PDB file of all heavy atoms in Angstrom:
ATOM      1  N   THR A   1       0.135  -6.610  -1.668  1.00  0.00           N
ATOM      2  CA  THR A   1       0.440  -6.160  -3.025  1.00  0.00           C
ATOM      3  C   THR A   1       0.201  -4.664  -3.156  1.00  0.00           C
ATOM      4  O   THR A   1      -0.541  -4.057  -2.363  1.00  0.00           O
ATOM      5  CB  THR A   1      -0.426  -6.876  -4.075  1.00  0.00           C
ATOM      6  OG1 THR A   1      -1.799  -6.469  -3.891  1.00  0.00           O
ATOM      7  CG2 THR A   1      -0.303  -8.393  -3.967  1.00  0.00           C
ATOM      8  N   TYR A   2       0.782  -4.099  -4.171  1.00  0.00           N
ATOM      9  CA  TYR A   2       0.585  -2.684  -4.484  1.00  0.00           C
ATOM     10  C   TYR A   2      -0.902  -2.391  -4.689  1.00  0.00           C
ATOM     11  O   TYR A   2      -1.445  -1.429  -4.134  1.00  0.00           O
ATOM     12  CB  TYR A   2       1.393  -2.310  -5.739  1.00  0.00           C
ATOM     13  CG  TYR A   2       1.047  -0.961  -6.302  1.00  0.00           C
ATOM     14  CD1 TYR A   2       1.511   0.205  -5.700  1.00  0.00           C
ATOM     15  CD2 TYR A   2       0.246  -0.854  -7.433  1.00  0.00           C
ATOM     16  CE1 TYR A   2       1.182   1.454  -6.213  1.00  0.00           C
ATOM     17  CE2 TYR A   2      -0.083   0.398  -7.950  1.00  0.00           C
ATOM     18  CZ  TYR A   2       0.386   1.537  -7.338  1.00  0.00           C
ATOM     19  OH  TYR A   2       0.053   2.774  -7.849  1.00  0.00           O
ATOM     20  N   GLU A   3      -1.576  -3.229  -5.471  1.00  0.00           N
ATOM     21  CA  GLU A   3      -2.995  -3.012  -5.772  1.00  0.00           C
ATOM     22  C   GLU A   3      -3.855  -3.058  -4.513  1.00  0.00           C
ATOM     23  O   GLU A   3      -4.758  -2.223  -4.335  1.00  0.00           O
ATOM     24  CB  GLU A   3      -3.479  -4.048  -6.792  1.00  0.00           C
ATOM     25  CG  GLU A   3      -2.870  -3.897  -8.167  1.00  0.00           C
ATOM     26  CD  GLU A   3      -1.430  -4.413  -8.296  1.00  0.00           C
ATOM     27  OE1 GLU A   3      -0.975  -5.187  -7.422  1.00  0.00           O
ATOM     28  OE2 GLU A   3      -0.763  -4.023  -9.273  1.00  0.00           O
ATOM     29  N   ASP A   4      -3.589  -4.032  -3.639  1.00  0.00           N
ATOM     30  CA  ASP A   4      -4.353  -4.111  -2.389  1.00  0.00           C
ATOM     31  C   ASP A   4      -4.087  -2.892  -1.506  1.00  0.00           C
ATOM     32  O   ASP A   4      -5.004  -2.331  -0.908  1.00  0.00           O
ATOM     33  CB  ASP A   4      -4.010  -5.390  -1.626  1.00  0.00           C
ATOM     34  CG  ASP A   4      -4.611  -6.629  -2.258  1.00  0.00           C
ATOM     35  OD1 ASP A   4      -5.586  -6.516  -3.030  1.00  0.00           O
ATOM     36  OD2 ASP A   4      -4.100  -7.734  -1.972  1.00  0.00           O
ATOM     37  N   TYR A   5      -2.827  -2.494  -1.453  1.00  0.00           N
ATOM     38  CA  TYR A   5      -2.451  -1.363  -0.608  1.00  0.00           C
ATOM     39  C   TYR A   5      -3.165  -0.079  -1.039  1.00  0.00           C
ATOM     40  O   TYR A   5      -3.796   0.590  -0.215  1.00  0.00           O
ATOM     41  CB  TYR A   5      -0.936  -1.180  -0.635  1.00  0.00           C
ATOM     42  CG  TYR A   5      -0.437  -0.064   0.256  1.00  0.00           C
ATOM     43  CD1 TYR A   5      -0.377  -0.222   1.630  1.00  0.00           C
ATOM     44  CD2 TYR A   5      -0.027   1.147  -0.284  1.00  0.00           C
ATOM     45  CE1 TYR A   5       0.075   0.799   2.454  1.00  0.00           C
ATOM     46  CE2 TYR A   5       0.419   2.172   0.525  1.00  0.00           C
ATOM     47  CZ  TYR A   5       0.478   1.993   1.888  1.00  0.00           C
ATOM     48  OH  TYR A   5       0.917   3.006   2.697  1.00  0.00           O
ATOM     49  N   ILE A   6      -3.080   0.248  -2.325  1.00  0.00           N
ATOM     50  CA  ILE A   6      -3.717   1.503  -2.765  1.00  0.00           C
ATOM     51  C   ILE A   6      -5.236   1.416  -2.666  1.00  0.00           C
ATOM     52  O   ILE A   6      -5.897   2.401  -2.336  1.00  0.00           O
ATOM     53  CB  ILE A   6      -3.251   1.942  -4.175  1.00  0.00           C
ATOM     54  CG1 ILE A   6      -3.639   0.924  -5.234  1.00  0.00           C
ATOM     55  CG2 ILE A   6      -1.767   2.238  -4.192  1.00  0.00           C
ATOM     56  CD1 ILE A   6      -3.455   1.428  -6.658  1.00  0.00           C
ATOM     57  N   GLY A   7      -5.787   0.236  -2.918  1.00  0.00           N
ATOM     58  CA  GLY A   7      -7.235   0.062  -2.796  1.00  0.00           C
ATOM     59  C   GLY A   7      -7.722   0.237  -1.375  1.00  0.00           C
ATOM     60  O   GLY A   7      -8.763   0.867  -1.134  1.00  0.00           O
ATOM     61  N   LEU A   8      -6.988  -0.300  -0.414  1.00  0.00           N
ATOM     62  CA  LEU A   8      -7.371  -0.150   0.990  1.00  0.00           C
ATOM     63  C   LEU A   8      -7.255   1.301   1.436  1.00  0.00           C
ATOM     64  O   LEU A   8      -8.130   1.813   2.138  1.00  0.00           O
ATOM     65  CB  LEU A   8      -6.529  -1.068   1.877  1.00  0.00           C
ATOM     66  CG  LEU A   8      -6.894  -2.542   1.791  1.00  0.00           C
ATOM     67  CD1 LEU A   8      -5.814  -3.410   2.423  1.00  0.00           C
ATOM     68  CD2 LEU A   8      -8.237  -2.801   2.445  1.00  0.00           C
ATOM     69  N   ARG A   9      -6.187   1.977   1.030  1.00  0.00           N
ATOM     70  CA  ARG A   9      -6.047   3.403   1.375  1.00  0.00           C
ATOM     71  C   ARG A   9      -7.225   4.199   0.816  1.00  0.00           C
ATOM     72  O   ARG A   9      -7.799   5.035   1.517  1.00  0.00           O
ATOM     73  CB  ARG A   9      -4.716   3.961   0.867  1.00  0.00           C
ATOM     74  CG  ARG A   9      -3.516   3.491   1.675  1.00  0.00           C
ATOM     75  CD  ARG A   9      -2.232   4.127   1.177  1.00  0.00           C
ATOM     76  NE  ARG A   9      -2.228   5.572   1.376  1.00  0.00           N
ATOM     77  CZ  ARG A   9      -1.770   6.200   2.472  1.00  0.00           C
ATOM     78  NH1 ARG A   9      -1.259   5.491   3.473  1.00  0.00           N
ATOM     79  NH2 ARG A   9      -1.793   7.513   2.555  1.00  0.00           N
ATOM     80  N   GLU A  10      -7.582   3.930  -0.428  1.00  0.00           N
ATOM     81  CA  GLU A  10      -8.717   4.636  -1.032  1.00  0.00           C
ATOM     82  C   GLU A  10     -10.023   4.335  -0.301  1.00  0.00           C
ATOM     83  O   GLU A  10     -10.878   5.213  -0.152  1.00  0.00           O
ATOM     84  CB  GLU A  10      -8.831   4.262  -2.509  1.00  0.00           C
ATOM     85  CG  GLU A  10      -7.729   4.855  -3.359  1.00  0.00           C
ATOM     86  CD  GLU A  10      -7.691   4.323  -4.781  1.00  0.00           C
ATOM     87  OE1 GLU A  10      -8.530   3.457  -5.145  1.00  0.00           O
ATOM     88  OE2 GLU A  10      -6.812   4.767  -5.542  1.00  0.00           O
ATOM     89  N   SER A  11     -10.179   3.107   0.187  1.00  0.00           N
ATOM     90  CA  SER A  11     -11.429   2.719   0.849  1.00  0.00           C
ATOM     91  C   SER A  11     -11.709   3.527   2.107  1.00  0.00           C
ATOM     92  O   SER A  11     -12.857   3.672   2.504  1.00  0.00           O
ATOM     93  CB  SER A  11     -11.432   1.215   1.166  1.00  0.00           C
ATOM     94  OG  SER A  11     -10.673   0.920   2.321  1.00  0.00           O
ATOM     95  N   VAL A  12     -10.638   4.029   2.753  1.00  0.00           N
ATOM     96  CA  VAL A  12     -10.819   4.828   3.969  1.00  0.00           C
ATOM     97  C   VAL A  12     -10.574   6.321   3.727  1.00  0.00           C
ATOM     98  O   VAL A  12     -10.490   7.104   4.670  1.00  0.00           O
ATOM     99  CB  VAL A  12      -9.933   4.306   5.132  1.00  0.00           C
ATOM    100  CG1 VAL A  12     -10.382   2.914   5.559  1.00  0.00           C
ATOM    101  CG2 VAL A  12      -8.454   4.335   4.768  1.00  0.00           C
ATOM    102  N   GLY A  13     -10.438   6.709   2.447  1.00  0.00           N
ATOM    103  CA  GLY A  13     -10.304   8.120   2.115  1.00  0.00           C
ATOM    104  C   GLY A  13      -8.910   8.691   2.282  1.00  0.00           C
ATOM    105  O   GLY A  13      -8.749   9.913   2.360  1.00  0.00           O
ATOM    106  N   TRP A  14      -7.885   7.833   2.332  1.00  0.00           N
ATOM    107  CA  TRP A  14      -6.511   8.321   2.454  1.00  0.00           C
ATOM    108  C   TRP A  14      -5.947   8.594   1.066  1.00  0.00           C
ATOM    109  O   TRP A  14      -6.214   7.860   0.113  1.00  0.00           O
ATOM    110  CB  TRP A  14      -5.621   7.311   3.164  1.00  0.00           C
ATOM    111  CG  TRP A  14      -5.923   7.117   4.618  1.00  0.00           C
ATOM    112  CD1 TRP A  14      -6.888   7.727   5.362  1.00  0.00           C
ATOM    113  CD2 TRP A  14      -5.253   6.221   5.499  1.00  0.00           C
ATOM    114  NE1 TRP A  14      -6.855   7.268   6.652  1.00  0.00           N
ATOM    115  CE2 TRP A  14      -5.860   6.338   6.765  1.00  0.00           C
ATOM    116  CE3 TRP A  14      -4.206   5.328   5.345  1.00  0.00           C
ATOM    117  CZ2 TRP A  14      -5.434   5.605   7.864  1.00  0.00           C
ATOM    118  CZ3 TRP A  14      -3.786   4.598   6.444  1.00  0.00           C
ATOM    119  CH2 TRP A  14      -4.399   4.742   7.694  1.00  0.00           C
ATOM    120  N   ILE A  15      -5.138   9.610   0.957  1.00  0.00           N
ATOM    121  CA  ILE A  15      -4.482   9.953  -0.297  1.00  0.00           C
ATOM    122  C   ILE A  15      -3.329   8.979  -0.529  1.00  0.00           C
ATOM    123  O   ILE A  15      -2.554   8.691   0.392  1.00  0.00           O
ATOM    124  CB  ILE A  15      -3.956  11.401  -0.247  1.00  0.00           C
ATOM    125  CG1 ILE A  15      -5.109  12.378  -0.049  1.00  0.00           C
ATOM    126  CG2 ILE A  15      -3.155  11.737  -1.509  1.00  0.00           C
ATOM    127  CD1 ILE A  15      -4.672  13.791   0.281  1.00  0.00           C
ATOM    128  N   ASN A  16      -3.218   8.478  -1.748  1.00  0.00           N
ATOM    129  CA  ASN A  16      -2.120   7.572  -2.078  1.00  0.00           C
ATOM    130  C   ASN A  16      -0.871   8.362  -2.450  1.00  0.00           C
ATOM    131  O   ASN A  16      -0.938   9.512  -2.866  1.00  0.00           O
ATOM    132  CB  ASN A  16      -2.514   6.639  -3.226  1.00  0.00           C
ATOM    133  CG  ASN A  16      -3.273   5.444  -2.720  1.00  0.00           C
ATOM    134  OD1 ASN A  16      -2.815   4.738  -1.831  1.00  0.00           O
ATOM    135  ND2 ASN A  16      -4.451   5.211  -3.273  1.00  0.00           N
ATOM    136  N   PHE A  17       0.261   7.721  -2.283  1.00  0.00           N
ATOM    137  CA  PHE A  17       1.542   8.262  -2.704  1.00  0.00           C
ATOM    138  C   PHE A  17       1.764   7.845  -4.156  1.00  0.00           C
ATOM    139  O   PHE A  17       0.992   7.079  -4.722  1.00  0.00           O
ATOM    140  CB  PHE A  17       2.657   7.706  -1.800  1.00  0.00           C
ATOM    141  CG  PHE A  17       2.567   8.198  -0.384  1.00  0.00           C
ATOM    142  CD1 PHE A  17       1.785   7.536   0.555  1.00  0.00           C
ATOM    143  CD2 PHE A  17       3.259   9.325   0.016  1.00  0.00           C
ATOM    144  CE1 PHE A  17       1.694   7.976   1.858  1.00  0.00           C
ATOM    145  CE2 PHE A  17       3.183   9.786   1.323  1.00  0.00           C
ATOM    146  CZ  PHE A  17       2.396   9.117   2.246  1.00  0.00           C
ATOM    147  N   SER A  18       2.846   8.304  -4.752  1.00  0.00           N
ATOM    148  CA  SER A  18       3.130   7.919  -6.131  1.00  0.00           C
ATOM    149  C   SER A  18       3.358   6.415  -6.207  1.00  0.00           C
ATOM    150  O   SER A  18       3.727   5.767  -5.215  1.00  0.00           O
ATOM    151  CB  SER A  18       4.366   8.653  -6.658  1.00  0.00           C
ATOM    152  OG  SER A  18       5.546   8.113  -6.096  1.00  0.00           O
ATOM    153  N   GLU A  19       3.156   5.853  -7.386  1.00  0.00           N
ATOM    154  CA  GLU A  19       3.365   4.410  -7.572  1.00  0.00           C
ATOM    155  C   GLU A  19       4.802   4.030  -7.252  1.00  0.00           C
ATOM    156  O   GLU A  19       5.050   3.018  -6.582  1.00  0.00           O
ATOM    157  CB  GLU A  19       3.010   4.018  -9.005  1.00  0.00           C
ATOM    158  CG  GLU A  19       3.152   2.521  -9.259  1.00  0.00           C
ATOM    159  CD  GLU A  19       2.697   2.107 -10.653  1.00  0.00           C
ATOM    160  OE1 GLU A  19       2.039   2.908 -11.339  1.00  0.00           O
ATOM    161  OE2 GLU A  19       3.003   0.970 -11.032  1.00  0.00           O
ATOM    162  N   GLU A  20       5.752   4.832  -7.693  1.00  0.00           N
ATOM    163  CA  GLU A  20       7.173   4.546  -7.445  1.00  0.00           C
ATOM    164  C   GLU A  20       7.469   4.511  -5.945  1.00  0.00           C
ATOM    165  O   GLU A  20       8.105   3.576  -5.448  1.00  0.00           O
ATOM    166  CB  GLU A  20       8.040   5.610  -8.124  1.00  0.00           C
ATOM    167  CG  GLU A  20       9.520   5.443  -7.890  1.00  0.00           C
ATOM    168  CD  GLU A  20      10.349   6.567  -8.503  1.00  0.00           C
ATOM    169  OE1 GLU A  20       9.797   7.413  -9.232  1.00  0.00           O
ATOM    170  OE2 GLU A  20      11.554   6.597  -8.232  1.00  0.00           O
ATOM    171  N   GLN A  21       6.995   5.521  -5.212  1.00  0.00           N
ATOM    172  CA  GLN A  21       7.204   5.570  -3.764  1.00  0.00           C
ATOM    173  C   GLN A  21       6.558   4.377  -3.074  1.00  0.00           C
ATOM    174  O   GLN A  21       7.147   3.758  -2.191  1.00  0.00           O
ATOM    175  CB  GLN A  21       6.602   6.836  -3.164  1.00  0.00           C
ATOM    176  CG  GLN A  21       7.353   8.090  -3.398  1.00  0.00           C
ATOM    177  CD  GLN A  21       6.594   9.253  -2.787  1.00  0.00           C
ATOM    178  OE1 GLN A  21       5.498   9.604  -3.271  1.00  0.00           O
ATOM    179  NE2 GLN A  21       7.132   9.848  -1.757  1.00  0.00           N
ATOM    180  N   THR A  22       5.332   4.100  -3.463  1.00  0.00           N
ATOM    181  CA  THR A  22       4.577   3.037  -2.803  1.00  0.00           C
ATOM    182  C   THR A  22       5.239   1.682  -3.000  1.00  0.00           C
ATOM    183  O   THR A  22       5.403   0.918  -2.045  1.00  0.00           O
ATOM    184  CB  THR A  22       3.128   3.018  -3.319  1.00  0.00           C
ATOM    185  OG1 THR A  22       2.547   4.302  -3.082  1.00  0.00           O
ATOM    186  CG2 THR A  22       2.307   1.950  -2.633  1.00  0.00           C
ATOM    187  N   LYS A  23       5.633   1.375  -4.218  1.00  0.00           N
ATOM    188  CA  LYS A  23       6.273   0.084  -4.474  1.00  0.00           C
ATOM    189  C   LYS A  23       7.589  -0.047  -3.708  1.00  0.00           C
ATOM    190  O   LYS A  23       7.883  -1.102  -3.149  1.00  0.00           O
ATOM    191  CB  LYS A  23       6.474  -0.123  -5.967  1.00  0.00           C
ATOM    192  CG  LYS A  23       5.169  -0.418  -6.686  1.00  0.00           C
ATOM    193  CD  LYS A  23       5.370  -0.643  -8.167  1.00  0.00           C
ATOM    194  CE  LYS A  23       4.042  -1.046  -8.822  1.00  0.00           C
ATOM    195  NZ  LYS A  23       4.184  -1.250 -10.265  1.00  0.00           N
ATOM    196  N   LYS A  24       8.354   1.028  -3.639  1.00  0.00           N
ATOM    197  CA  LYS A  24       9.614   1.002  -2.885  1.00  0.00           C
ATOM    198  C   LYS A  24       9.329   0.815  -1.392  1.00  0.00           C
ATOM    199  O   LYS A  24       9.995   0.030  -0.714  1.00  0.00           O
ATOM    200  CB  LYS A  24      10.406   2.284  -3.117  1.00  0.00           C
ATOM    201  CG  LYS A  24      11.750   2.292  -2.433  1.00  0.00           C
ATOM    202  CD  LYS A  24      12.533   3.543  -2.779  1.00  0.00           C
ATOM    203  CE  LYS A  24      13.902   3.510  -2.119  1.00  0.00           C
ATOM    204  NZ  LYS A  24      14.684   4.719  -2.446  1.00  0.00           N
ATOM    205  N   ALA A  25       8.341   1.527  -0.885  1.00  0.00           N
ATOM    206  CA  ALA A  25       7.988   1.417   0.532  1.00  0.00           C
ATOM    207  C   ALA A  25       7.540   0.000   0.883  1.00  0.00           C
ATOM    208  O   ALA A  25       7.933  -0.553   1.913  1.00  0.00           O
ATOM    209  CB  ALA A  25       6.896   2.419   0.891  1.00  0.00           C
ATOM    210  N   LEU A  26       6.737  -0.598   0.015  1.00  0.00           N
ATOM    211  CA  LEU A  26       6.273  -1.962   0.280  1.00  0.00           C
ATOM    212  C   LEU A  26       7.441  -2.944   0.267  1.00  0.00           C
ATOM    213  O   LEU A  26       7.509  -3.852   1.095  1.00  0.00           O
ATOM    214  CB  LEU A  26       5.198  -2.367  -0.721  1.00  0.00           C
ATOM    215  CG  LEU A  26       3.876  -1.599  -0.614  1.00  0.00           C
ATOM    216  CD1 LEU A  26       2.922  -2.015  -1.719  1.00  0.00           C
ATOM    217  CD2 LEU A  26       3.242  -1.766   0.756  1.00  0.00           C
ATOM    218  N   GLN A  27       8.387  -2.753  -0.644  1.00  0.00           N
ATOM    219  CA  GLN A  27       9.568  -3.621  -0.691  1.00  0.00           C
ATOM    220  C   GLN A  27      10.421  -3.470   0.568  1.00  0.00           C
ATOM    221  O   GLN A  27      11.055  -4.432   1.006  1.00  0.00           O
ATOM    222  CB  GLN A  27      10.436  -3.296  -1.910  1.00  0.00           C
ATOM    223  CG  GLN A  27       9.840  -3.705  -3.221  1.00  0.00           C
ATOM    224  CD  GLN A  27      10.637  -3.184  -4.420  1.00  0.00           C
ATOM    225  OE1 GLN A  27      11.564  -2.399  -4.277  1.00  0.00           O
ATOM    226  NE2 GLN A  27      10.255  -3.626  -5.608  1.00  0.00           N
ATOM    227  N   ASN A  28      10.442  -2.274   1.139  1.00  0.00           N
ATOM    228  CA  ASN A  28      11.269  -2.005   2.312  1.00  0.00           C
ATOM    229  C   ASN A  28      10.562  -2.274   3.634  1.00  0.00           C
ATOM    230  O   ASN A  28      11.140  -2.039   4.699  1.00  0.00           O
ATOM    231  CB  ASN A  28      11.776  -0.560   2.277  1.00  0.00           C
ATOM    232  CG  ASN A  28      12.809  -0.355   1.197  1.00  0.00           C
ATOM    233  OD1 ASN A  28      13.564  -1.262   0.865  1.00  0.00           O
ATOM    234  ND2 ASN A  28      12.842   0.830   0.627  1.00  0.00           N
ATOM    235  N   SER A  29       9.341  -2.757   3.593  1.00  0.00           N
ATOM    236  CA  SER A  29       8.627  -3.094   4.824  1.00  0.00           C
ATOM    237  C   SER A  29       9.307  -4.282   5.496  1.00  0.00           C
ATOM    238  O   SER A  29       9.767  -5.211   4.832  1.00  0.00           O
ATOM    239  CB  SER A  29       7.173  -3.460   4.512  1.00  0.00           C
ATOM    240  OG  SER A  29       6.499  -2.368   3.934  1.00  0.00           O
ATOM    241  N   LEU A  30       9.373  -4.255   6.810  1.00  0.00           N
ATOM    242  CA  LEU A  30       9.904  -5.395   7.555  1.00  0.00           C
ATOM    243  C   LEU A  30       8.915  -6.551   7.572  1.00  0.00           C
ATOM    244  O   LEU A  30       9.302  -7.712   7.486  1.00  0.00           O
ATOM    245  CB  LEU A  30      10.177  -5.004   9.012  1.00  0.00           C
ATOM    246  CG  LEU A  30      11.398  -4.185   9.322  1.00  0.00           C
ATOM    247  CD1 LEU A  30      11.436  -3.888  10.816  1.00  0.00           C
ATOM    248  CD2 LEU A  30      12.652  -4.909   8.894  1.00  0.00           C
ATOM    249  N   TYR A  31       7.658  -6.197   7.721  1.00  0.00           N
ATOM    250  CA  TYR A  31       6.635  -7.221   7.957  1.00  0.00           C
ATOM    251  C   TYR A  31       5.291  -6.642   7.568  1.00  0.00           C
ATOM    252  O   TYR A  31       4.980  -5.493   7.904  1.00  0.00           O
ATOM    253  CB  TYR A  31       6.655  -7.597   9.441  1.00  0.00           C
ATOM    254  CG  TYR A  31       5.657  -8.617   9.877  1.00  0.00           C
ATOM    255  CD1 TYR A  31       5.737  -9.942   9.450  1.00  0.00           C
ATOM    256  CD2 TYR A  31       4.640  -8.279  10.752  1.00  0.00           C
ATOM    257  CE1 TYR A  31       4.818 -10.889   9.874  1.00  0.00           C
ATOM    258  CE2 TYR A  31       3.721  -9.224  11.196  1.00  0.00           C
ATOM    259  CZ  TYR A  31       3.816 -10.525  10.748  1.00  0.00           C
ATOM    260  OH  TYR A  31       2.917 -11.457  11.169  1.00  0.00           O
ATOM    261  N   THR A  32       4.504  -7.414   6.840  1.00  0.00           N
ATOM    262  CA  THR A  32       3.147  -6.989   6.488  1.00  0.00           C
ATOM    263  C   THR A  32       2.174  -8.130   6.781  1.00  0.00           C
ATOM    264  O   THR A  32       2.549  -9.305   6.779  1.00  0.00           O
ATOM    265  CB  THR A  32       3.017  -6.587   5.007  1.00  0.00           C
ATOM    266  OG1 THR A  32       3.299  -7.710   4.176  1.00  0.00           O
ATOM    267  CG2 THR A  32       3.943  -5.426   4.666  1.00  0.00           C
ATOM    268  N   VAL A  33       0.949  -7.755   7.023  1.00  0.00           N
ATOM    269  CA  VAL A  33      -0.135  -8.706   7.284  1.00  0.00           C
ATOM    270  C   VAL A  33      -1.331  -8.266   6.452  1.00  0.00           C
ATOM    271  O   VAL A  33      -1.626  -7.065   6.372  1.00  0.00           O
ATOM    272  CB  VAL A  33      -0.536  -8.698   8.775  1.00  0.00           C
ATOM    273  CG1 VAL A  33      -1.718  -9.610   9.021  1.00  0.00           C
ATOM    274  CG2 VAL A  33       0.634  -9.089   9.656  1.00  0.00           C
ATOM    275  N   ILE A  34      -2.012  -9.220   5.831  1.00  0.00           N
ATOM    276  CA  ILE A  34      -3.276  -8.910   5.185  1.00  0.00           C
ATOM    277  C   ILE A  34      -4.362  -9.799   5.768  1.00  0.00           C
ATOM    278  O   ILE A  34      -4.091 -10.915   6.221  1.00  0.00           O
ATOM    279  CB  ILE A  34      -3.227  -9.062   3.641  1.00  0.00           C
ATOM    280  CG1 ILE A  34      -2.887 -10.495   3.222  1.00  0.00           C
ATOM    281  CG2 ILE A  34      -2.272  -8.052   3.039  1.00  0.00           C
ATOM    282  CD1 ILE A  34      -3.036 -10.751   1.717  1.00  0.00           C
ATOM    283  N   ALA A  35      -5.581  -9.278   5.755  1.00  0.00           N
ATOM    284  CA  ALA A  35      -6.762 -10.039   6.145  1.00  0.00           C
ATOM    285  C   ALA A  35      -7.558 -10.285   4.872  1.00  0.00           C
ATOM    286  O   ALA A  35      -7.828  -9.354   4.116  1.00  0.00           O
ATOM    287  CB  ALA A  35      -7.599  -9.260   7.154  1.00  0.00           C
ATOM    288  N   VAL A  36      -7.915 -11.551   4.637  1.00  0.00           N
ATOM    289  CA  VAL A  36      -8.591 -11.943   3.403  1.00  0.00           C
ATOM    290  C   VAL A  36      -9.925 -12.594   3.744  1.00  0.00           C
ATOM    291  O   VAL A  36      -9.988 -13.488   4.592  1.00  0.00           O
ATOM    292  CB  VAL A  36      -7.709 -12.914   2.581  1.00  0.00           C
ATOM    293  CG1 VAL A  36      -8.408 -13.321   1.294  1.00  0.00           C
ATOM    294  CG2 VAL A  36      -6.353 -12.293   2.285  1.00  0.00           C
TER     295      VAL A  36
END
């Protein structure tokens, strides 16, 4: 999800992209994996 993605980036000190860019990028991903 968008929320998980930006939260994980923040957890390691990475700068997030704009919400619009991020949501589009996530939609265009071929394959994603999350660890829960």
